[in-house]
């Protein structure tokens, strides 16, 4: 593998990790406070919670 490919994989993993953390924080804020953080759709956050059948 070339160095460029390895760096691209590392950068992609870092970006994915950062985006996952941001989404988790927004979802936590929605669950605890009930308000929708700026830049997020409230309906999409609400759909993250489903009752188990």
Protein backbone atom coordinates (compact mmCIF):
# COMPACT_ATOMS: atom_id res chain seq x y z
CA UNK A 1 0.00 0.00 0.00
CA UNK A 2 1.21 3.48 -0.68
CA UNK A 3 1.60 6.13 1.97
CA UNK A 4 -1.18 8.18 0.37
CA UNK A 5 -3.72 5.39 0.75
CA UNK A 6 -2.78 4.86 4.39
CA UNK A 7 -3.11 8.58 5.09
CA UNK A 8 -6.47 8.71 3.33
CA UNK A 9 -7.77 5.84 5.45
CA UNK A 10 -6.55 7.52 8.65
CA UNK A 11 -8.11 10.87 7.73
CA UNK A 12 -11.39 9.16 6.80
CA UNK A 13 -11.44 7.32 10.13
CA UNK A 14 -10.79 10.56 12.05
CA UNK A 15 -13.56 12.42 10.23
CA UNK A 16 -16.01 9.56 10.79
CA UNK A 17 -15.15 9.46 14.48
CA UNK A 18 -15.63 13.21 14.86
CA UNK A 19 -19.00 13.14 13.07
CA UNK A 20 -20.15 10.23 15.21
CA UNK A 21 -19.27 12.15 18.36
CA UNK A 22 -21.13 15.24 17.18
CA UNK A 23 -24.23 13.18 16.37
CA UNK A 24 -24.07 11.40 19.73
CA UNK A 25 -23.85 14.73 21.56
CA UNK A 26 -26.80 16.14 19.61
CA UNK A 27 -28.84 13.02 20.27
CA UNK A 28 -28.01 13.15 23.99
CA UNK A 29 -29.00 16.82 24.16
CA UNK A 30 -32.28 16.03 22.42
CA UNK A 31 -32.97 13.10 24.77
CA UNK A 32 -32.19 15.01 27.96
CA UNK A 33 -33.39 18.54 27.27
CA UNK A 34 -35.89 17.93 24.49
CA UNK A 35 -34.52 20.70 22.31
CA UNK A 36 -33.14 20.26 18.84
CA UNK A 37 -29.58 21.53 18.38
CA UNK A 38 -28.98 23.97 15.54
CA UNK A 39 -28.25 22.22 12.28
CA UNK A 40 -30.21 19.05 13.10
CA UNK A 41 -33.71 17.99 12.10
CA UNK A 42 -35.88 17.28 15.13
CA UNK A 43 -37.87 14.60 13.34
CA UNK A 44 -34.70 12.69 12.47
CA UNK A 45 -33.55 12.84 16.10
CA UNK A 46 -36.98 11.71 17.27
CA UNK A 47 -36.87 8.77 14.88
CA UNK A 48 -33.65 7.57 16.53
CA UNK A 49 -35.78 6.40 19.46
CA UNK A 50 -38.04 3.45 18.75
CA UNK A 51 -39.99 1.28 21.16
CA UNK A 52 -38.95 -2.32 21.31
CA UNK A 53 -41.69 -4.74 20.44
